[in-house]
Amino acid sequence: MLNRLSNIFKKTHRDFEAFQIEVSTYSSLECRVCPRHIFGERWIFQNMSMETFEKISRYFHLTRWVSFYGWGDPMENEHLFSMIRLAKEKGCLTGLSTNGTHLNDALSGQLLSTGLDLIVVFLEAATHEIQETLIAESDFKRIMAQVEGFVCLRNNR
């Protein structure tokens, strides 16, 4: 009890474990398991503005993690790197999920330079054949090579 009370006065206590923020509803893939596929023409494609993200960031002192996650791929948002840096400046751990299609060397380097703490690459299936049946235009081998490149780049830093 004294530890918790002490944390409140030291301002190290954060009420929430994570804020999950969808910064993009765009995705370069057409997944059959995605609500975008179901809602079709009614789906709204948009990226969160930096201005909106800055308003949300006023509350980051309440959470340990800022997670960039949603039905879209956060890598589609042109402000993603600035958003991650802002969350890091507020003392948060950061993570994101991506379908891996944008993990080229340049963007991987930019991601690593932000201090990103966690990255999850979602693959709907563990084999190339199953991935192709679930996700149109997915290039499983290329994505796996890009993930490997990201890991190598991280390890070399």
N, C-alpha and C. Protein backbone atom coordinates (compact mmCIF):
# COMPACT_ATOMS: atom_id res chain seq x y z
N MET A 1 0.82 -1.18 0.00
CA MET A 1 0.00 0.00 0.00
C MET A 1 0.87 1.26 0.00
N LEU A 2 1.92 1.26 0.81
CA LEU A 2 2.79 2.43 0.86
C LEU A 2 3.48 2.66 -0.48
N ASN A 3 3.84 1.57 -1.19
CA ASN A 3 4.45 1.72 -2.51
C ASN A 3 3.51 2.43 -3.47
N ARG A 4 2.25 2.01 -3.47
CA ARG A 4 1.27 2.63 -4.38
C ARG A 4 1.07 4.10 -4.03
N LEU A 5 0.99 4.40 -2.77
CA LEU A 5 0.83 5.78 -2.33
C LEU A 5 2.06 6.60 -2.71
N SER A 6 3.22 6.03 -2.52
CA SER A 6 4.47 6.68 -2.89
C SER A 6 4.52 6.97 -4.39
N ASN A 7 4.08 6.00 -5.20
CA ASN A 7 4.07 6.19 -6.66
C ASN A 7 3.17 7.34 -7.08
N ILE A 8 2.05 7.52 -6.41
CA ILE A 8 1.14 8.62 -6.74
C ILE A 8 1.84 9.95 -6.52
N PHE A 9 2.56 10.07 -5.40
CA PHE A 9 3.25 11.32 -5.12
C PHE A 9 4.47 11.54 -6.02
N LYS A 10 5.10 10.45 -6.43
CA LYS A 10 6.24 10.55 -7.34
C LYS A 10 5.81 10.69 -8.79
N LYS A 11 4.51 10.54 -9.06
CA LYS A 11 3.94 10.61 -10.40
C LYS A 11 4.50 9.53 -11.33
N THR A 12 4.85 8.38 -10.76
CA THR A 12 5.30 7.26 -11.58
C THR A 12 4.17 6.27 -11.82
N HIS A 13 3.06 6.47 -11.11
CA HIS A 13 1.92 5.58 -11.25
C HIS A 13 1.13 5.96 -12.51
N ARG A 14 0.80 4.96 -13.30
CA ARG A 14 -0.01 5.20 -14.50
C ARG A 14 -1.26 4.32 -14.39
N ASP A 15 -2.41 4.93 -14.53
CA ASP A 15 -3.67 4.23 -14.31
C ASP A 15 -3.99 3.17 -15.36
N PHE A 16 -3.49 3.33 -16.56
CA PHE A 16 -3.81 2.42 -17.65
C PHE A 16 -2.57 1.68 -18.13
N GLU A 17 -2.76 0.45 -18.55
CA GLU A 17 -1.67 -0.34 -19.11
C GLU A 17 -1.36 0.13 -20.53
N ALA A 18 -2.40 0.37 -21.33
CA ALA A 18 -2.16 0.72 -22.73
C ALA A 18 -3.31 1.54 -23.31
N PHE A 19 -2.94 2.46 -24.19
CA PHE A 19 -3.90 3.12 -25.07
C PHE A 19 -3.67 2.55 -26.45
N GLN A 20 -4.70 1.99 -27.03
CA GLN A 20 -4.61 1.45 -28.39
C GLN A 20 -5.19 2.50 -29.33
N ILE A 21 -4.38 2.95 -30.27
CA ILE A 21 -4.79 4.05 -31.14
C ILE A 21 -4.68 3.61 -32.60
N GLU A 22 -5.79 3.77 -33.31
CA GLU A 22 -5.80 3.45 -34.73
C GLU A 22 -5.49 4.73 -35.50
N VAL A 23 -4.27 4.85 -36.02
CA VAL A 23 -3.86 6.08 -36.70
C VAL A 23 -4.11 6.02 -38.21
N SER A 24 -4.54 4.86 -38.70
CA SER A 24 -4.86 4.73 -40.12
C SER A 24 -5.90 3.63 -40.31
N THR A 25 -6.83 3.87 -41.21
CA THR A 25 -7.77 2.82 -41.60
C THR A 25 -7.43 2.30 -43.00
N TYR A 26 -6.29 2.72 -43.51
CA TYR A 26 -5.81 2.23 -44.81
C TYR A 26 -5.00 0.94 -44.61
N SER A 27 -5.00 0.12 -45.63
CA SER A 27 -4.12 -1.04 -45.66
C SER A 27 -3.84 -1.36 -47.12
N SER A 28 -2.62 -1.74 -47.40
CA SER A 28 -2.26 -2.07 -48.78
C SER A 28 -2.72 -3.47 -49.18
N LEU A 29 -3.27 -4.21 -48.22
CA LEU A 29 -3.74 -5.56 -48.51
C LEU A 29 -5.26 -5.63 -48.39
N GLU A 30 -5.84 -6.57 -49.09
CA GLU A 30 -7.27 -6.85 -49.01
C GLU A 30 -7.46 -8.19 -48.32
N CYS A 31 -7.68 -8.16 -47.02
CA CYS A 31 -7.81 -9.39 -46.23
C CYS A 31 -9.27 -9.81 -46.15
N ARG A 32 -9.51 -11.06 -46.38
CA ARG A 32 -10.88 -11.57 -46.31
C ARG A 32 -11.41 -11.63 -44.88
N VAL A 33 -10.53 -11.58 -43.92
CA VAL A 33 -10.94 -11.65 -42.52
C VAL A 33 -11.12 -10.26 -41.90
N CYS A 34 -10.96 -9.21 -42.66
CA CYS A 34 -11.01 -7.84 -42.17
C CYS A 34 -12.42 -7.26 -42.31
N PRO A 35 -12.85 -6.45 -41.35
CA PRO A 35 -14.16 -5.79 -41.47
C PRO A 35 -14.26 -4.90 -42.71
N ARG A 36 -13.14 -4.39 -43.19
CA ARG A 36 -13.19 -3.58 -44.41
C ARG A 36 -13.76 -4.39 -45.56
N HIS A 37 -13.44 -5.67 -45.59
CA HIS A 37 -13.96 -6.56 -46.63
C HIS A 37 -15.48 -6.70 -46.49
N ILE A 38 -15.94 -6.79 -45.27
CA ILE A 38 -17.37 -6.97 -45.00
C ILE A 38 -18.15 -5.69 -45.26
N PHE A 39 -17.64 -4.56 -44.80
CA PHE A 39 -18.36 -3.30 -44.93
C PHE A 39 -18.20 -2.66 -46.31
N GLY A 40 -17.22 -3.10 -47.06
CA GLY A 40 -17.05 -2.66 -48.44
C GLY A 40 -17.11 -1.16 -48.64
N GLU A 41 -18.10 -0.73 -49.40
CA GLU A 41 -18.24 0.68 -49.80
C GLU A 41 -18.48 1.63 -48.64
N ARG A 42 -18.95 1.10 -47.51
CA ARG A 42 -19.25 1.97 -46.37
C ARG A 42 -18.00 2.27 -45.52
N TRP A 43 -16.90 1.57 -45.78
CA TRP A 43 -15.67 1.76 -44.99
C TRP A 43 -15.11 3.16 -45.24
N ILE A 44 -14.69 3.81 -44.19
CA ILE A 44 -14.12 5.15 -44.30
C ILE A 44 -12.60 5.03 -44.21
N PHE A 45 -11.93 5.44 -45.27
CA PHE A 45 -10.47 5.41 -45.32
C PHE A 45 -9.94 6.77 -44.91
N GLN A 46 -9.10 6.78 -43.87
CA GLN A 46 -8.52 8.04 -43.43
C GLN A 46 -7.32 7.79 -42.52
N ASN A 47 -6.47 8.80 -42.43
CA ASN A 47 -5.35 8.79 -41.50
C ASN A 47 -5.63 9.82 -40.42
N MET A 48 -5.23 9.50 -39.20
CA MET A 48 -5.36 10.45 -38.11
C MET A 48 -4.37 11.60 -38.34
N SER A 49 -4.82 12.81 -38.10
CA SER A 49 -3.93 13.97 -38.25
C SER A 49 -3.01 14.06 -37.04
N MET A 50 -1.91 14.74 -37.24
CA MET A 50 -0.97 14.97 -36.14
C MET A 50 -1.65 15.84 -35.07
N GLU A 51 -2.48 16.77 -35.49
CA GLU A 51 -3.19 17.64 -34.56
C GLU A 51 -4.09 16.81 -33.61
N THR A 52 -4.82 15.85 -34.16
CA THR A 52 -5.67 15.00 -33.33
C THR A 52 -4.82 14.15 -32.38
N PHE A 53 -3.72 13.60 -32.90
CA PHE A 53 -2.84 12.78 -32.07
C PHE A 53 -2.26 13.61 -30.92
N GLU A 54 -1.89 14.85 -31.18
CA GLU A 54 -1.35 15.71 -30.13
C GLU A 54 -2.39 15.95 -29.03
N LYS A 55 -3.67 16.08 -29.42
CA LYS A 55 -4.72 16.24 -28.41
C LYS A 55 -4.81 15.00 -27.53
N ILE A 56 -4.75 13.83 -28.14
CA ILE A 56 -4.80 12.58 -27.38
C ILE A 56 -3.57 12.46 -26.48
N SER A 57 -2.42 12.94 -26.97
CA SER A 57 -1.16 12.78 -26.23
C SER A 57 -1.16 13.50 -24.89
N ARG A 58 -2.09 14.42 -24.69
CA ARG A 58 -2.19 15.12 -23.40
C ARG A 58 -2.48 14.15 -22.25
N TYR A 59 -2.95 12.96 -22.59
CA TYR A 59 -3.33 11.98 -21.57
C TYR A 59 -2.37 10.80 -21.49
N PHE A 60 -1.26 10.88 -22.21
CA PHE A 60 -0.30 9.77 -22.20
C PHE A 60 0.36 9.56 -20.84
N HIS A 61 0.34 10.57 -20.00
CA HIS A 61 0.90 10.40 -18.66
C HIS A 61 0.11 9.38 -17.84
N LEU A 62 -1.07 9.01 -18.34
CA LEU A 62 -1.93 8.04 -17.64
C LEU A 62 -1.66 6.59 -18.03
N THR A 63 -0.83 6.36 -19.05
CA THR A 63 -0.65 5.00 -19.55
C THR A 63 0.82 4.62 -19.68
N ARG A 64 1.08 3.31 -19.59
CA ARG A 64 2.43 2.79 -19.80
C ARG A 64 2.75 2.66 -21.28
N TRP A 65 1.79 2.15 -22.05
CA TRP A 65 2.01 1.84 -23.47
C TRP A 65 1.12 2.68 -24.37
N VAL A 66 1.65 3.09 -25.51
CA VAL A 66 0.85 3.60 -26.61
C VAL A 66 1.04 2.60 -27.74
N SER A 67 -0.06 1.97 -28.11
CA SER A 67 -0.04 0.91 -29.11
C SER A 67 -0.71 1.39 -30.38
N PHE A 68 0.02 1.35 -31.47
CA PHE A 68 -0.49 1.77 -32.77
C PHE A 68 -1.04 0.52 -33.45
N TYR A 69 -2.35 0.38 -33.37
CA TYR A 69 -2.98 -0.86 -33.77
C TYR A 69 -4.40 -0.57 -34.22
N GLY A 70 -4.89 -1.34 -35.16
CA GLY A 70 -6.27 -1.20 -35.60
C GLY A 70 -6.53 -2.02 -36.84
N TRP A 71 -7.63 -1.73 -37.52
CA TRP A 71 -7.97 -2.48 -38.75
C TRP A 71 -7.10 -2.04 -39.91
N GLY A 72 -6.59 -0.84 -39.87
CA GLY A 72 -5.66 -0.38 -40.89
C GLY A 72 -4.23 -0.63 -40.46
N ASP A 73 -3.29 -0.30 -41.32
CA ASP A 73 -1.87 -0.46 -41.02
C ASP A 73 -1.30 0.89 -40.62
N PRO A 74 -0.78 1.05 -39.40
CA PRO A 74 -0.25 2.34 -38.97
C PRO A 74 0.87 2.86 -39.87
N MET A 75 1.54 1.94 -40.57
CA MET A 75 2.62 2.37 -41.47
C MET A 75 2.09 3.21 -42.63
N GLU A 76 0.79 3.23 -42.83
CA GLU A 76 0.17 4.03 -43.89
C GLU A 76 0.08 5.51 -43.52
N ASN A 77 0.24 5.83 -42.23
CA ASN A 77 0.12 7.22 -41.79
C ASN A 77 1.47 7.92 -41.91
N GLU A 78 1.48 9.02 -42.65
CA GLU A 78 2.74 9.74 -42.90
C GLU A 78 3.31 10.39 -41.64
N HIS A 79 2.53 10.49 -40.57
CA HIS A 79 2.99 11.09 -39.32
C HIS A 79 3.41 10.05 -38.27
N LEU A 80 3.41 8.77 -38.64
CA LEU A 80 3.65 7.71 -37.67
C LEU A 80 4.94 7.91 -36.87
N PHE A 81 6.03 8.24 -37.52
CA PHE A 81 7.31 8.36 -36.82
C PHE A 81 7.28 9.50 -35.80
N SER A 82 6.66 10.61 -36.17
CA SER A 82 6.50 11.72 -35.23
C SER A 82 5.60 11.34 -34.08
N MET A 83 4.57 10.56 -34.36
CA MET A 83 3.65 10.11 -33.32
C MET A 83 4.36 9.20 -32.31
N ILE A 84 5.16 8.28 -32.82
CA ILE A 84 5.91 7.40 -31.92
C ILE A 84 6.86 8.21 -31.06
N ARG A 85 7.57 9.15 -31.67
CA ARG A 85 8.51 9.98 -30.90
C ARG A 85 7.79 10.77 -29.81
N LEU A 86 6.62 11.30 -30.13
CA LEU A 86 5.86 12.07 -29.15
C LEU A 86 5.45 11.18 -27.97
N ALA A 87 4.99 9.97 -28.26
CA ALA A 87 4.63 9.04 -27.18
C ALA A 87 5.86 8.70 -26.33
N LYS A 88 7.01 8.51 -26.97
CA LYS A 88 8.25 8.23 -26.22
C LYS A 88 8.62 9.42 -25.34
N GLU A 89 8.46 10.65 -25.86
CA GLU A 89 8.76 11.85 -25.07
C GLU A 89 7.89 11.95 -23.83
N LYS A 90 6.69 11.39 -23.91
CA LYS A 90 5.75 11.41 -22.78
C LYS A 90 6.03 10.26 -21.81
N GLY A 91 7.10 9.50 -22.06
CA GLY A 91 7.50 8.45 -21.15
C GLY A 91 6.81 7.12 -21.35
N CYS A 92 6.20 6.93 -22.52
CA CYS A 92 5.47 5.69 -22.79
C CYS A 92 6.32 4.70 -23.56
N LEU A 93 6.03 3.43 -23.34
CA LEU A 93 6.53 2.38 -24.22
C LEU A 93 5.65 2.41 -25.46
N THR A 94 6.22 2.03 -26.61
CA THR A 94 5.45 2.09 -27.85
C THR A 94 5.52 0.77 -28.60
N GLY A 95 4.43 0.45 -29.26
CA GLY A 95 4.37 -0.75 -30.08
C GLY A 95 3.44 -0.52 -31.24
N LEU A 96 3.63 -1.32 -32.26
CA LEU A 96 2.72 -1.23 -33.40
C LEU A 96 2.55 -2.59 -34.05
N SER A 97 1.44 -2.72 -34.75
CA SER A 97 1.21 -3.91 -35.55
C SER A 97 1.13 -3.49 -37.01
N THR A 98 1.64 -4.33 -37.87
CA THR A 98 1.68 -4.03 -39.29
C THR A 98 1.53 -5.32 -40.09
N ASN A 99 1.10 -5.17 -41.33
CA ASN A 99 1.04 -6.37 -42.18
C ASN A 99 2.39 -6.63 -42.84
N GLY A 100 3.37 -5.76 -42.63
CA GLY A 100 4.73 -5.99 -43.09
C GLY A 100 5.05 -5.55 -44.50
N THR A 101 4.07 -5.07 -45.24
CA THR A 101 4.33 -4.73 -46.65
C THR A 101 5.23 -3.51 -46.81
N HIS A 102 5.29 -2.65 -45.80
CA HIS A 102 6.10 -1.43 -45.91
C HIS A 102 7.44 -1.51 -45.19
N LEU A 103 7.81 -2.69 -44.70
CA LEU A 103 9.04 -2.80 -43.93
C LEU A 103 10.29 -2.89 -44.80
N ASN A 104 10.48 -1.90 -45.65
CA ASN A 104 11.72 -1.88 -46.42
C ASN A 104 12.85 -1.34 -45.54
N ASP A 105 14.06 -1.35 -46.06
CA ASP A 105 15.22 -0.93 -45.25
C ASP A 105 15.09 0.50 -44.72
N ALA A 106 14.65 1.41 -45.58
CA ALA A 106 14.56 2.81 -45.18
C ALA A 106 13.55 3.01 -44.06
N LEU A 107 12.34 2.47 -44.21
CA LEU A 107 11.32 2.64 -43.19
C LEU A 107 11.65 1.86 -41.92
N SER A 108 12.30 0.72 -42.07
CA SER A 108 12.74 -0.04 -40.89
C SER A 108 13.73 0.78 -40.08
N GLY A 109 14.67 1.43 -40.75
CA GLY A 109 15.63 2.29 -40.07
C GLY A 109 14.95 3.44 -39.36
N GLN A 110 13.96 4.06 -40.00
CA GLN A 110 13.23 5.15 -39.37
C GLN A 110 12.47 4.65 -38.13
N LEU A 111 11.85 3.48 -38.24
CA LEU A 111 11.14 2.91 -37.10
C LEU A 111 12.09 2.69 -35.93
N LEU A 112 13.22 2.11 -36.20
CA LEU A 112 14.19 1.83 -35.14
C LEU A 112 14.71 3.12 -34.51
N SER A 113 14.85 4.17 -35.31
CA SER A 113 15.36 5.43 -34.77
C SER A 113 14.37 6.11 -33.83
N THR A 114 13.11 5.72 -33.88
CA THR A 114 12.11 6.31 -32.98
C THR A 114 12.20 5.75 -31.57
N GLY A 115 12.87 4.60 -31.41
CA GLY A 115 12.91 3.94 -30.11
C GLY A 115 11.74 3.01 -29.89
N LEU A 116 11.07 2.62 -30.95
CA LEU A 116 9.93 1.70 -30.87
C LEU A 116 10.30 0.49 -30.02
N ASP A 117 9.40 0.11 -29.11
CA ASP A 117 9.69 -0.98 -28.18
C ASP A 117 9.20 -2.34 -28.66
N LEU A 118 8.16 -2.36 -29.48
CA LEU A 118 7.57 -3.63 -29.90
C LEU A 118 6.98 -3.49 -31.29
N ILE A 119 7.22 -4.48 -32.12
CA ILE A 119 6.58 -4.52 -33.43
C ILE A 119 6.00 -5.92 -33.61
N VAL A 120 4.77 -5.96 -34.10
CA VAL A 120 4.09 -7.22 -34.39
C VAL A 120 3.76 -7.21 -35.87
N VAL A 121 4.22 -8.23 -36.57
CA VAL A 121 3.89 -8.37 -37.99
C VAL A 121 2.84 -9.46 -38.09
N PHE A 122 1.64 -9.05 -38.51
CA PHE A 122 0.54 -9.99 -38.60
C PHE A 122 0.57 -10.72 -39.93
N LEU A 123 0.65 -12.00 -39.84
CA LEU A 123 0.50 -12.87 -41.00
C LEU A 123 -0.66 -13.79 -40.67
N GLU A 124 -1.66 -13.80 -41.50
CA GLU A 124 -2.87 -14.56 -41.22
C GLU A 124 -2.61 -16.07 -41.23
N ALA A 125 -1.51 -16.47 -41.83
CA ALA A 125 -1.23 -17.90 -41.94
C ALA A 125 0.27 -18.11 -41.89
N ALA A 126 0.65 -19.34 -41.62
CA ALA A 126 2.07 -19.64 -41.47
C ALA A 126 2.72 -20.13 -42.75
N THR A 127 1.94 -20.26 -43.81
CA THR A 127 2.52 -20.71 -45.08
C THR A 127 2.13 -19.75 -46.20
N HIS A 128 2.96 -19.73 -47.19
CA HIS A 128 2.72 -18.89 -48.36
C HIS A 128 1.38 -19.21 -49.02
N GLU A 129 1.07 -20.48 -49.16
CA GLU A 129 -0.15 -20.91 -49.84
C GLU A 129 -1.41 -20.43 -49.11
N ILE A 130 -1.44 -20.61 -47.80
CA ILE A 130 -2.61 -20.19 -47.03
C ILE A 130 -2.72 -18.67 -47.02
N GLN A 131 -1.60 -17.99 -46.87
CA GLN A 131 -1.59 -16.52 -46.87
C GLN A 131 -2.21 -15.99 -48.16
N GLU A 132 -1.85 -16.57 -49.29
CA GLU A 132 -2.39 -16.11 -50.58
C GLU A 132 -3.90 -16.34 -50.69
N THR A 133 -4.42 -17.40 -50.08
CA THR A 133 -5.86 -17.65 -50.17
C THR A 133 -6.65 -16.68 -49.30
N LEU A 134 -6.07 -16.21 -48.21
CA LEU A 134 -6.77 -15.31 -47.31
C LEU A 134 -6.61 -13.83 -47.68
N ILE A 135 -5.47 -13.48 -48.26
CA ILE A 135 -5.16 -12.07 -48.49
C ILE A 135 -4.74 -11.86 -49.93
N ALA A 136 -5.56 -11.11 -50.65
CA ALA A 136 -5.25 -10.82 -52.03
C ALA A 136 -4.01 -9.95 -52.12
N GLU A 137 -3.16 -10.23 -53.05
CA GLU A 137 -1.94 -9.46 -53.35
C GLU A 137 -0.88 -9.53 -52.25
N SER A 138 -1.00 -10.46 -51.33
CA SER A 138 0.02 -10.61 -50.30
C SER A 138 1.21 -11.35 -50.89
N ASP A 139 2.39 -10.88 -50.54
CA ASP A 139 3.62 -11.53 -50.99
C ASP A 139 4.35 -12.04 -49.75
N PHE A 140 3.98 -13.21 -49.32
CA PHE A 140 4.46 -13.81 -48.08
C PHE A 140 5.99 -13.84 -48.03
N LYS A 141 6.62 -14.27 -49.11
CA LYS A 141 8.09 -14.40 -49.12
C LYS A 141 8.75 -13.03 -48.99
N ARG A 142 8.21 -12.02 -49.67
CA ARG A 142 8.78 -10.67 -49.58
C ARG A 142 8.61 -10.11 -48.18
N ILE A 143 7.43 -10.31 -47.59
CA ILE A 143 7.19 -9.82 -46.24
C ILE A 143 8.14 -10.50 -45.25
N MET A 144 8.31 -11.80 -45.38
CA MET A 144 9.23 -12.51 -44.49
C MET A 144 10.66 -12.00 -44.66
N ALA A 145 11.07 -11.72 -45.88
CA ALA A 145 12.41 -11.18 -46.13
C ALA A 145 12.54 -9.79 -45.51
N GLN A 146 11.49 -8.99 -45.58
CA GLN A 146 11.54 -7.65 -44.99
C GLN A 146 11.58 -7.71 -43.47
N VAL A 147 10.85 -8.64 -42.89
CA VAL A 147 10.90 -8.82 -41.44
C VAL A 147 12.32 -9.24 -41.03
N GLU A 148 12.90 -10.15 -41.78
CA GLU A 148 14.27 -10.58 -41.50
C GLU A 148 15.24 -9.40 -41.61
N GLY A 149 15.04 -8.55 -42.62
CA GLY A 149 15.87 -7.35 -42.77
C GLY A 149 15.73 -6.41 -41.59
N PHE A 150 14.49 -6.25 -41.09
CA PHE A 150 14.24 -5.40 -39.93
C PHE A 150 14.98 -5.93 -38.71
N VAL A 151 14.89 -7.23 -38.48
CA VAL A 151 15.55 -7.85 -37.32
C VAL A 151 17.07 -7.70 -37.44
N CYS A 152 17.62 -7.92 -38.63
CA CYS A 152 19.07 -7.78 -38.83
C CYS A 152 19.50 -6.35 -38.56
N LEU A 153 18.73 -5.39 -39.08
CA LEU A 153 19.04 -3.98 -38.87
C LEU A 153 19.02 -3.64 -37.38
N ARG A 154 18.00 -4.13 -36.67
CA ARG A 154 17.90 -3.90 -35.23
C ARG A 154 19.09 -4.50 -34.50
N ASN A 155 19.48 -5.72 -34.86
CA ASN A 155 20.58 -6.37 -34.19
C ASN A 155 21.91 -5.68 -34.46
N ASN A 156 22.07 -5.10 -35.62
CA ASN A 156 23.30 -4.39 -35.97
C ASN A 156 23.40 -3.04 -35.26
N ARG A 157 22.33 -2.52 -34.77
CA ARG A 157 22.35 -1.25 -34.05
C ARG A 157 22.69 -1.49 -32.61
